[in-house]
C-alpha atoms as a PDB file:
ATOM      1  CA  MET A   1      -9.840   3.001   2.346  1.00  0.00           C
ATOM      2  CA  ILE A   2      -7.316   0.351   2.732  1.00  0.00           C
ATOM      3  CA  GLU A   3      -3.645   0.903   2.765  1.00  0.00           C
ATOM      4  CA  VAL A   4      -0.931  -1.464   2.121  1.00  0.00           C
ATOM      5  CA  LYS A   5       2.597  -0.684   3.050  1.00  0.00           C
ATOM      6  CA  ASN A   6       5.565  -2.914   2.058  1.00  0.00           C
ATOM      7  CA  ILE A   7       3.641  -5.958   2.145  1.00  0.00           C
ATOM      8  CA  SER A   8       6.128  -9.115   1.733  1.00  0.00           C
ATOM      9  CA  LYS A   9       5.357 -12.923   1.827  1.00  0.00           C
ATOM     10  CA  TRP A  10       7.006 -15.986   1.873  1.00  0.00           C
ATOM     11  CA  PHE A  11       5.919 -19.944   1.683  1.00  0.00           C
ATOM     12  CA  ASP A  12       8.502 -22.667   2.393  1.00  0.00           C
ATOM     13  CA  GLY A  13      11.331 -20.084   1.760  1.00  0.00           C
ATOM     14  CA  VAL A  14      10.000 -18.686  -1.463  1.00  0.00           C
ATOM     15  CA  GLN A  15       8.957 -15.289  -1.831  1.00  0.00           C
ATOM     16  CA  VAL A  16       5.779 -14.495  -3.531  1.00  0.00           C
ATOM     17  CA  LEU A  17       5.010 -11.155  -2.557  1.00  0.00           C
ATOM     18  CA  HIS A  18       7.796  -8.421  -2.828  1.00  0.00           C
ATOM     19  CA  GLY A  19       7.215  -5.296  -1.044  1.00  0.00           C
ATOM     20  CA  ILE A  20       3.955  -4.260  -2.140  1.00  0.00           C
ATOM     21  CA  ASN A  21       2.649  -0.634  -1.706  1.00  0.00           C
ATOM     22  CA  ALA A  22      -1.037   0.103  -2.868  1.00  0.00           C
ATOM     23  CA  THR A  23      -4.168   2.114  -1.798  1.00  0.00           C
ATOM     24  CA  PHE A  24      -7.573   0.852  -2.384  1.00  0.00           C
ATOM     25  CA  GLU A  25      -9.907   3.851  -2.491  1.00  0.00           C
ATOM     26  CA  THR A  26     -13.434   4.336  -0.644  1.00  0.00           C
ATOM     27  CA  GLY A  27     -16.405   4.455  -3.082  1.00  0.00           C
ATOM     28  CA  LYS A  28     -14.386   2.968  -5.791  1.00  0.00           C
ATOM     29  CA  THR A  29     -14.066  -0.564  -7.470  1.00  0.00           C
ATOM     30  CA  ASN A  30     -10.550  -1.498  -6.988  1.00  0.00           C
ATOM     31  CA  LEU A  31      -9.249  -4.397  -9.152  1.00  0.00           C
ATOM     32  CA  ILE A  32      -6.185  -6.510  -8.679  1.00  0.00           C
ATOM     33  CA  ILE A  33      -5.136  -8.310 -11.860  1.00  0.00           C
ATOM     34  CA  GLY A  34      -2.135 -10.592 -13.039  1.00  0.00           C
ATOM     35  CA  GLN A  35      -1.474 -13.974 -14.348  1.00  0.00           C
ATOM     36  CA  SER A  36      -2.184 -17.254 -12.710  1.00  0.00           C
ATOM     37  CA  GLY A  37       0.798 -17.630  -9.927  1.00  0.00           C
ATOM     38  CA  SER A  38       1.319 -13.879  -9.959  1.00  0.00           C
ATOM     39  CA  GLY A  39       0.538 -13.271  -6.123  1.00  0.00           C
ATOM     40  CA  LYS A  40      -2.628 -11.323  -6.451  1.00  0.00           C
ATOM     41  CA  THR A  41      -4.697 -13.950  -4.557  1.00  0.00           C
ATOM     42  CA  VAL A  42      -1.961 -14.191  -1.734  1.00  0.00           C
ATOM     43  CA  LEU A  43      -2.383 -10.367  -1.582  1.00  0.00           C
ATOM     44  CA  LEU A  44      -5.961 -10.609  -1.351  1.00  0.00           C
ATOM     45  CA  LYS A  45      -5.784 -13.286   1.389  1.00  0.00           C
ATOM     46  CA  CYS A  46      -3.448 -10.927   3.467  1.00  0.00           C
ATOM     47  CA  LEU A  47      -5.805  -8.112   3.195  1.00  0.00           C
ATOM     48  CA  VAL A  48      -8.859  -9.783   4.703  1.00  0.00           C
ATOM     49  CA  GLY A  49      -6.393 -11.703   7.461  1.00  0.00           C
ATOM     50  CA  LEU A  50      -6.384 -15.022   6.349  1.00  0.00           C
ATOM     51  CA  LEU A  51      -2.582 -14.905   5.687  1.00  0.00           C
ATOM     52  CA  ARG A  52      -0.303 -12.760   7.905  1.00  0.00           C
ATOM     53  CA  PRO A  53       2.604 -11.121   6.015  1.00  0.00           C
ATOM     54  CA  GLU A  54       6.369 -11.690   7.322  1.00  0.00           C
ATOM     55  CA  GLU A  55       6.710  -8.003   6.362  1.00  0.00           C
ATOM     56  CA  GLY A  56       4.897  -4.653   6.008  1.00  0.00           C
ATOM     57  CA  GLN A  57       1.593  -3.263   7.365  1.00  0.00           C
ATOM     58  CA  ILE A  58      -2.088  -3.233   6.281  1.00  0.00           C
ATOM     59  CA  PHE A  59      -4.226  -0.124   7.307  1.00  0.00           C
ATOM     60  CA  TYR A  60      -8.040   0.107   7.644  1.00  0.00           C
ATOM     61  CA  ASP A  61      -8.871   3.593   7.607  1.00  0.00           C
ATOM     62  CA  GLY A  62      -6.063   4.135   9.971  1.00  0.00           C
ATOM     63  CA  ARG A  63      -6.398   1.072  12.003  1.00  0.00           C
ATOM     64  CA  CYS A  64      -3.524  -1.414  11.763  1.00  0.00           C
ATOM     65  CA  LEU A  65      -4.576  -5.041  10.942  1.00  0.00           C
ATOM     66  CA  ASN A  66      -1.160  -6.044  12.016  1.00  0.00           C
ATOM     67  CA  THR A  67      -1.157  -4.943  15.834  1.00  0.00           C
ATOM     68  CA  MET A  68      -4.951  -5.892  16.290  1.00  0.00           C
ATOM     69  CA  ASN A  69      -5.978  -8.114  19.080  1.00  0.00           C
ATOM     70  CA  ALA A  70      -8.492 -10.613  18.765  1.00  0.00           C
ATOM     71  CA  GLU A  71     -11.570  -8.604  19.780  1.00  0.00           C
ATOM     72  CA  GLN A  72     -10.407  -5.796  17.455  1.00  0.00           C
ATOM     73  CA  ARG A  73     -10.056  -8.320  14.455  1.00  0.00           C
ATOM     74  CA  LYS A  74     -13.501  -9.614  15.310  1.00  0.00           C
ATOM     75  CA  GLU A  75     -14.975  -6.051  15.172  1.00  0.00           C
ATOM     76  CA  LEU A  76     -13.080  -5.524  11.912  1.00  0.00           C
ATOM     77  CA  ARG A  77     -14.533  -8.775  10.377  1.00  0.00           C
ATOM     78  CA  MET A  78     -18.195  -7.264  10.943  1.00  0.00           C
ATOM     79  CA  ASP A  79     -17.117  -4.652   8.371  1.00  0.00           C
ATOM     80  CA  ILE A  80     -16.045  -6.818   5.933  1.00  0.00           C
ATOM     81  CA  GLY A  81     -18.396  -8.632   3.213  1.00  0.00           C
ATOM     82  CA  MET A  82     -16.667 -11.644   1.327  1.00  0.00           C
ATOM     83  CA  LEU A  83     -17.718 -12.908  -1.984  1.00  0.00           C
ATOM     84  CA  PHE A  84     -16.119 -15.951  -2.770  1.00  0.00           C
ATOM     85  CA  GLN A  85     -15.222 -17.333  -6.427  1.00  0.00           C
ATOM     86  CA  GLY A  86     -17.621 -20.286  -6.258  1.00  0.00           C
ATOM     87  CA  SER A  87     -20.345 -18.571  -4.157  1.00  0.00           C
ATOM     88  CA  ALA A  88     -20.019 -20.845  -1.499  1.00  0.00           C
ATOM     89  CA  LEU A  89     -23.895 -21.019  -0.893  1.00  0.00           C
ATOM     90  CA  PHE A  90     -25.307 -23.571   1.559  1.00  0.00           C
ATOM     91  CA  ASP A  91     -27.144 -26.434  -0.649  1.00  0.00           C
ATOM     92  CA  ASN A  92     -29.605 -27.149   2.243  1.00  0.00           C
ATOM     93  CA  GLU A  93     -30.567 -23.615   2.725  1.00  0.00           C
ATOM     94  CA  THR A  94     -33.147 -21.345   0.570  1.00  0.00           C
ATOM     95  CA  VAL A  95     -31.962 -18.142  -0.744  1.00  0.00           C
ATOM     96  CA  LEU A  96     -33.645 -16.198   2.232  1.00  0.00           C
ATOM     97  CA  GLY A  97     -31.572 -18.703   4.664  1.00  0.00           C
ATOM     98  CA  ASN A  98     -28.358 -18.083   2.726  1.00  0.00           C
ATOM     99  CA  VAL A  99     -28.591 -14.419   3.251  1.00  0.00           C
ATOM    100  CA  MET A 100     -29.645 -14.412   6.674  1.00  0.00           C
ATOM    101  CA  PHE A 101     -26.877 -16.685   7.727  1.00  0.00           C
ATOM    102  CA  PRO A 102     -24.324 -13.869   8.765  1.00  0.00           C
ATOM    103  CA  LEU A 103     -27.390 -11.847  10.323  1.00  0.00           C
ATOM    104  CA  LYS A 104     -28.081 -14.813  12.513  1.00  0.00           C
ATOM    105  CA  MET A 105     -24.392 -15.261  13.374  1.00  0.00           C
ATOM    106  CA  PHE A 106     -23.171 -11.510  13.997  1.00  0.00           C
ATOM    107  CA  SER A 107     -26.442  -9.056  13.694  1.00  0.00           C
ATOM    108  CA  PRO A 108     -27.609  -7.774  17.033  1.00  0.00           C
ATOM    109  CA  LEU A 109     -31.113  -7.100  15.149  1.00  0.00           C
ATOM    110  CA  SER A 110     -34.188  -8.993  16.386  1.00  0.00           C
ATOM    111  CA  TYR A 111     -35.422 -11.726  14.092  1.00  0.00           C
ATOM    112  CA  LYS A 112     -38.091  -9.792  12.415  1.00  0.00           C
ATOM    113  CA  GLU A 113     -35.474  -7.092  11.439  1.00  0.00           C
ATOM    114  CA  GLN A 114     -32.862  -9.965  10.454  1.00  0.00           C
ATOM    115  CA  ILE A 115     -35.789 -11.097   7.785  1.00  0.00           C
ATOM    116  CA  GLU A 116     -36.387  -7.472   6.660  1.00  0.00           C
ATOM    117  CA  ARG A 117     -32.581  -6.834   6.159  1.00  0.00           C
ATOM    118  CA  ALA A 118     -32.548 -10.102   4.126  1.00  0.00           C
ATOM    119  CA  HIS A 119     -35.489  -9.313   1.862  1.00  0.00           C
ATOM    120  CA  PHE A 120     -33.996  -6.012   1.130  1.00  0.00           C
ATOM    121  CA  CYS A 121     -30.855  -7.428   0.168  1.00  0.00           C
ATOM    122  CA  ILE A 122     -32.498  -9.888  -2.081  1.00  0.00           C
ATOM    123  CA  GLU A 123     -34.444  -7.279  -3.618  1.00  0.00           C
ATOM    124  CA  ARG A 124     -31.672  -5.074  -4.218  1.00  0.00           C
ATOM    125  CA  VAL A 125     -29.691  -7.584  -6.366  1.00  0.00           C
ATOM    126  CA  GLY A 126     -32.703  -8.220  -8.452  1.00  0.00           C
ATOM    127  CA  LEU A 127     -34.356 -11.460  -6.936  1.00  0.00           C
ATOM    128  CA  LYS A 128     -37.501 -10.528  -5.520  1.00  0.00           C
ATOM    129  CA  ASN A 129     -39.614 -13.810  -5.111  1.00  0.00           C
ATOM    130  CA  ALA A 130     -36.808 -15.988  -5.232  1.00  0.00           C
ATOM    131  CA  ASP A 131     -36.584 -16.430  -1.200  1.00  0.00           C
ATOM    132  CA  SER A 132     -37.907 -19.934  -0.980  1.00  0.00           C
ATOM    133  CA  LYS A 133     -35.651 -21.319  -3.746  1.00  0.00           C
ATOM    134  CA  PHE A 134     -32.752 -23.452  -3.143  1.00  0.00           C
ATOM    135  CA  PRO A 135     -29.139 -22.831  -4.867  1.00  0.00           C
ATOM    136  CA  SER A 136     -29.843 -26.061  -7.215  1.00  0.00           C
ATOM    137  CA  GLU A 137     -33.145 -24.380  -8.325  1.00  0.00           C
ATOM    138  CA  ILE A 138     -31.232 -21.078  -9.668  1.00  0.00           C
ATOM    139  CA  SER A 139     -29.020 -20.332 -12.419  1.00  0.00           C
ATOM    140  CA  GLY A 140     -25.090 -19.628 -11.729  1.00  0.00           C
ATOM    141  CA  GLY A 141     -25.801 -15.625 -12.353  1.00  0.00           C
ATOM    142  CA  MET A 142     -28.552 -15.790  -9.694  1.00  0.00           C
ATOM    143  CA  GLN A 143     -26.508 -17.871  -7.188  1.00  0.00           C
ATOM    144  CA  LYS A 144     -23.843 -15.067  -7.528  1.00  0.00           C
ATOM    145  CA  ARG A 145     -26.454 -12.433  -6.825  1.00  0.00           C
ATOM    146  CA  VAL A 146     -27.739 -14.327  -3.778  1.00  0.00           C
ATOM    147  CA  ALA A 147     -23.720 -14.434  -2.552  1.00  0.00           C
ATOM    148  CA  ILE A 148     -23.589 -10.697  -2.999  1.00  0.00           C
ATOM    149  CA  ALA A 149     -26.955 -10.139  -1.275  1.00  0.00           C
ATOM    150  CA  ARG A 150     -25.403 -12.265   1.646  1.00  0.00           C
ATOM    151  CA  ALA A 151     -21.912 -10.336   1.333  1.00  0.00           C
ATOM    152  CA  ILE A 152     -23.569  -7.062   1.954  1.00  0.00           C
ATOM    153  CA  ALA A 153     -26.214  -8.301   4.543  1.00  0.00           C
ATOM    154  CA  LEU A 154     -24.158  -6.634   7.588  1.00  0.00           C
ATOM    155  CA  ASN A 155     -23.750  -3.658   5.356  1.00  0.00           C
ATOM    156  CA  PRO A 156     -19.972  -3.565   5.283  1.00  0.00           C
ATOM    157  CA  LYS A 157     -17.439  -0.942   4.448  1.00  0.00           C
ATOM    158  CA  TYR A 158     -15.247  -3.492   2.811  1.00  0.00           C
ATOM    159  CA  LEU A 159     -16.226  -5.675   0.237  1.00  0.00           C
ATOM    160  CA  PHE A 160     -13.732  -8.306  -1.059  1.00  0.00           C
ATOM    161  CA  CYS A 161     -14.758 -10.308  -4.393  1.00  0.00           C
ATOM    162  CA  ASP A 162     -12.627 -13.315  -5.411  1.00  0.00           C
ATOM    163  CA  GLU A 163     -13.149 -13.948  -9.315  1.00  0.00           C
ATOM    164  CA  PRO A 164     -16.871 -12.868  -9.225  1.00  0.00           C
ATOM    165  CA  ASN A 165     -17.343 -13.704 -12.837  1.00  0.00           C
ATOM    166  CA  SER A 166     -15.625 -17.226 -12.713  1.00  0.00           C
ATOM    167  CA  GLY A 167     -18.090 -19.807 -14.795  1.00  0.00           C
ATOM    168  CA  LEU A 168     -20.495 -17.272 -15.833  1.00  0.00           C
ATOM    169  CA  ASP A 169     -21.268 -16.249 -19.615  1.00  0.00           C
ATOM    170  CA  PRO A 170     -20.265 -12.524 -20.841  1.00  0.00           C
ATOM    171  CA  ARG A 171     -23.893 -11.082 -20.734  1.00  0.00           C
ATOM    172  CA  THR A 172     -24.074 -12.551 -16.971  1.00  0.00           C
ATOM    173  CA  SER A 173     -20.596 -10.984 -16.263  1.00  0.00           C
ATOM    174  CA  LEU A 174     -21.528  -7.874 -17.097  1.00  0.00           C
ATOM    175  CA  LEU A 175     -24.651  -7.815 -14.926  1.00  0.00           C
ATOM    176  CA  ILE A 176     -22.569  -8.757 -11.931  1.00  0.00           C
ATOM    177  CA  ASP A 177     -19.963  -6.079 -12.865  1.00  0.00           C
ATOM    178  CA  ASP A 178     -22.523  -3.401 -13.099  1.00  0.00           C
ATOM    179  CA  LEU A 179     -24.350  -4.500  -9.460  1.00  0.00           C
ATOM    180  CA  LEU A 180     -20.855  -4.814  -7.791  1.00  0.00           C
ATOM    181  CA  SER A 181     -20.062  -1.081  -9.167  1.00  0.00           C
ATOM    182  CA  ASP A 182     -23.652   0.102  -8.312  1.00  0.00           C
ATOM    183  CA  ILE A 183     -23.353  -1.182  -4.865  1.00  0.00           C
ATOM    184  CA  THR A 184     -19.939   0.247  -4.346  1.00  0.00           C
ATOM    185  CA  HIS A 185     -20.982   3.650  -5.395  1.00  0.00           C
ATOM    186  CA  GLU A 186     -24.360   3.632  -3.629  1.00  0.00           C
ATOM    187  CA  TYR A 187     -22.712   2.417   0.029  1.00  0.00           C
ATOM    188  CA  LYS A 188     -19.698   3.971  -0.208  1.00  0.00           C
ATOM    189  CA  MET A 189     -17.751   0.752   0.173  1.00  0.00           C
ATOM    190  CA  THR A 190     -13.843   0.135  -0.274  1.00  0.00           C
ATOM    191  CA  THR A 191     -14.535  -2.666  -3.113  1.00  0.00           C
ATOM    192  CA  VAL A 192     -11.264  -4.957  -3.912  1.00  0.00           C
ATOM    193  CA  ILE A 193     -11.981  -7.464  -6.547  1.00  0.00           C
ATOM    194  CA  ASN A 194      -9.558 -10.061  -7.566  1.00  0.00           C
ATOM    195  CA  THR A 195     -10.253 -10.553 -11.522  1.00  0.00           C
ATOM    196  CA  HIS A 196      -9.054 -12.536 -14.526  1.00  0.00           C
ATOM    197  CA  ASP A 197     -11.825 -10.668 -16.499  1.00  0.00           C
ATOM    198  CA  MET A 198     -10.464  -8.111 -18.651  1.00  0.00           C
ATOM    199  CA  ASN A 199     -14.088  -7.105 -19.437  1.00  0.00           C
ATOM    200  CA  SER A 200     -14.237  -6.030 -15.725  1.00  0.00           C
ATOM    201  CA  VAL A 201     -10.990  -4.342 -15.875  1.00  0.00           C
ATOM    202  CA  LEU A 202     -12.003  -2.076 -18.944  1.00  0.00           C
ATOM    203  CA  GLY A 203     -15.786  -1.693 -17.702  1.00  0.00           C
ATOM    204  CA  ILE A 204     -15.318  -0.962 -14.012  1.00  0.00           C
ATOM    205  CA  GLY A 205     -11.572  -0.593 -13.278  1.00  0.00           C
ATOM    206  CA  GLU A 206     -11.712   2.572 -11.413  1.00  0.00           C
ATOM    207  CA  HIS A 207      -8.485   1.844  -9.693  1.00  0.00           C
ATOM    208  CA  ILE A 208      -6.142  -1.233 -10.798  1.00  0.00           C
ATOM    209  CA  ILE A 209      -3.005  -2.609  -9.694  1.00  0.00           C
ATOM    210  CA  PHE A 210      -1.249  -5.300 -11.810  1.00  0.00           C
ATOM    211  CA  ILE A 211       0.837  -7.930  -9.788  1.00  0.00           C
ATOM    212  CA  ASN A 212       3.634  -9.464 -11.842  1.00  0.00           C
ATOM    213  CA  LYS A 213       5.545 -12.189 -10.344  1.00  0.00           C
ATOM    214  CA  GLY A 214       4.852 -10.949  -6.455  1.00  0.00           C
ATOM    215  CA  PHE A 215       5.762  -7.280  -7.554  1.00  0.00           C
ATOM    216  CA  CYS A 216       3.225  -4.420  -8.031  1.00  0.00           C
ATOM    217  CA  ASP A 217       4.022  -3.519 -11.526  1.00  0.00           C
ATOM    218  CA  TRP A 218       1.830  -0.939 -12.545  1.00  0.00           C
ATOM    219  CA  SER A 219      -1.457   0.930 -11.088  1.00  0.00           C
ATOM    220  CA  GLY A 220      -3.834   3.061 -12.887  1.00  0.00           C
ATOM    221  CA  ASN A 221      -7.482   2.800 -13.853  1.00  0.00           C
ATOM    222  CA  ASP A 222      -9.771   1.823 -16.851  1.00  0.00           C
ATOM    223  CA  LYS A 223      -8.762   5.241 -18.888  1.00  0.00           C
ATOM    224  CA  THR A 224      -4.919   5.305 -18.388  1.00  0.00           C
ATOM    225  CA  ILE A 225      -4.474   1.349 -19.045  1.00  0.00           C
ATOM    226  CA  TYR A 226      -4.885   2.065 -22.707  1.00  0.00           C
ATOM    227  CA  ARG A 227      -1.942   4.583 -22.498  1.00  0.00           C
ATOM    228  CA  SER A 228       0.365   1.920 -20.666  1.00  0.00           C
ATOM    229  CA  ASP A 229       3.854   0.962 -22.016  1.00  0.00           C
ATOM    230  CA  ASN A 230       4.188  -1.843 -19.615  1.00  0.00           C
ATOM    231  CA  GLN A 231       4.543  -4.990 -21.820  1.00  0.00           C
ATOM    232  CA  ASN A 232       3.673  -7.407 -19.378  1.00  0.00           C
ATOM    233  CA  LEU A 233       0.433  -5.757 -18.434  1.00  0.00           C
ATOM    234  CA  ASN A 234      -0.370  -5.063 -22.335  1.00  0.00           C
ATOM    235  CA  ASP A 235       0.090  -8.919 -22.713  1.00  0.00           C
ATOM    236  CA  LEU A 236      -2.232  -9.796 -20.164  1.00  0.00           C
ATOM    237  CA  VAL A 237      -5.138  -7.244 -20.948  1.00  0.00           C
ATOM    238  CA  PHE A 238      -4.734  -6.841 -24.788  1.00  0.00           C
ATOM    239  CA  ALA A 239      -4.059 -10.673 -25.526  1.00  0.00           C
ATOM    240  CA  SER A 240      -6.981 -11.116 -27.616  1.00  0.00           C
ATOM    241  CA  SER A 241      -7.516  -9.660 -31.080  1.00  0.00           C
ATOM    242  CA  LEU A 242     -10.424  -7.771 -29.944  1.00  0.00           C
ATOM    243  CA  PHE A 243      -8.809  -6.001 -27.208  1.00  0.00           C
ATOM    244  CA  LYS A 244      -5.826  -5.051 -29.235  1.00  0.00           C
ATOM    245  CA  GLU A 245      -7.936  -3.668 -31.706  1.00  0.00           C
ATOM    246  CA  VAL A 246      -9.703  -1.440 -28.748  1.00  0.00           C
ATOM    247  CA  LYS A 247      -6.418  -0.331 -27.535  1.00  0.00           C
ATOM    248  CA  ARG A 248      -5.633   0.620 -30.857  1.00  0.00           C
ATOM    249  CA  TYR A 249      -8.687   2.805 -31.211  1.00  0.00           C
ATOM    250  CA  MET A 250      -8.525   4.257 -27.737  1.00  0.00           C
ATOM    251  CA  GLU A 251      -4.743   5.394 -28.591  1.00  0.00           C
ATOM    252  CA  LYS A 252      -5.911   6.575 -31.829  1.00  0.00           C
ATOM    253  CA  ASN A 253      -8.328   8.873 -30.381  1.00  0.00           C
ATOM    254  CA  ALA A 254      -6.409  10.272 -27.822  1.00  0.00           C
ATOM    255  CA  ASN A 255      -3.694  10.922 -30.200  1.00  0.00           C
ATOM    256  CA  ASN A 256      -6.467  12.887 -32.321  1.00  0.00           C
ATOM    257  CA  SER A 257      -7.494  14.687 -29.154  1.00  0.00           C
ATOM    258  CA  ASN A 258      -4.065  15.954 -28.366  1.00  0.00           C
ATOM    259  CA  THR A 259      -3.510  17.151 -32.013  1.00  0.00           C
ATOM    260  CA  LYS A 260      -6.822  19.214 -31.780  1.00  0.00           C
ATOM    261  CA  ARG A 261      -5.572  21.205 -28.832  1.00  0.00           C
END
């Protein structure tokens, strides 16, 4: 579990995060959503230690990130997996080479064990027999799965994903969502996903926080979001006519269920 307590952040005298309080739960897909420029990416960078907030504290299962020394931060990074927006694969490395990279850098495993672990992760994301291919030889969706395999290679406790569905078609996005959800539950990870994809919000949003102009404006899940009366949230999530119809349908069903009771 990751706890955020009263986090505030400034850039050049402009406050971009205002006293954020949030909890990211273990074994669940935790989503951060908001308009572009809302502060959600800044929050994600604070969580992983890329930015240091001016105020507030961040706790990883009770360990305070703010007060960790260099050695403690290094140990924490061993427990963190990161899925970048553009996959960030090495073009000159094969699928196997990309997945083995963090193992070579940080793992105490023998070379043989590293290969076995990399093969396991590659197969786990459904890319068996793709070991020798280069990123340029596989699709965007496959590249994203390679990036997921690399992110879980060190068997992390915490997985951070920055716009995992960016640039993917709707069908592939759903496959990535399902994969992230399955891996989260299977390995009991604390998964934090920064996303603009409303299909992800409604499909795998077991815990959701909505950042609006630097404030945490709402929190809930993929069920309670249909009943939200937060207009800013509704404008973001249910902007399209299709999602508006879905919201009306869910609200109608909820009202009918309450009437029957």
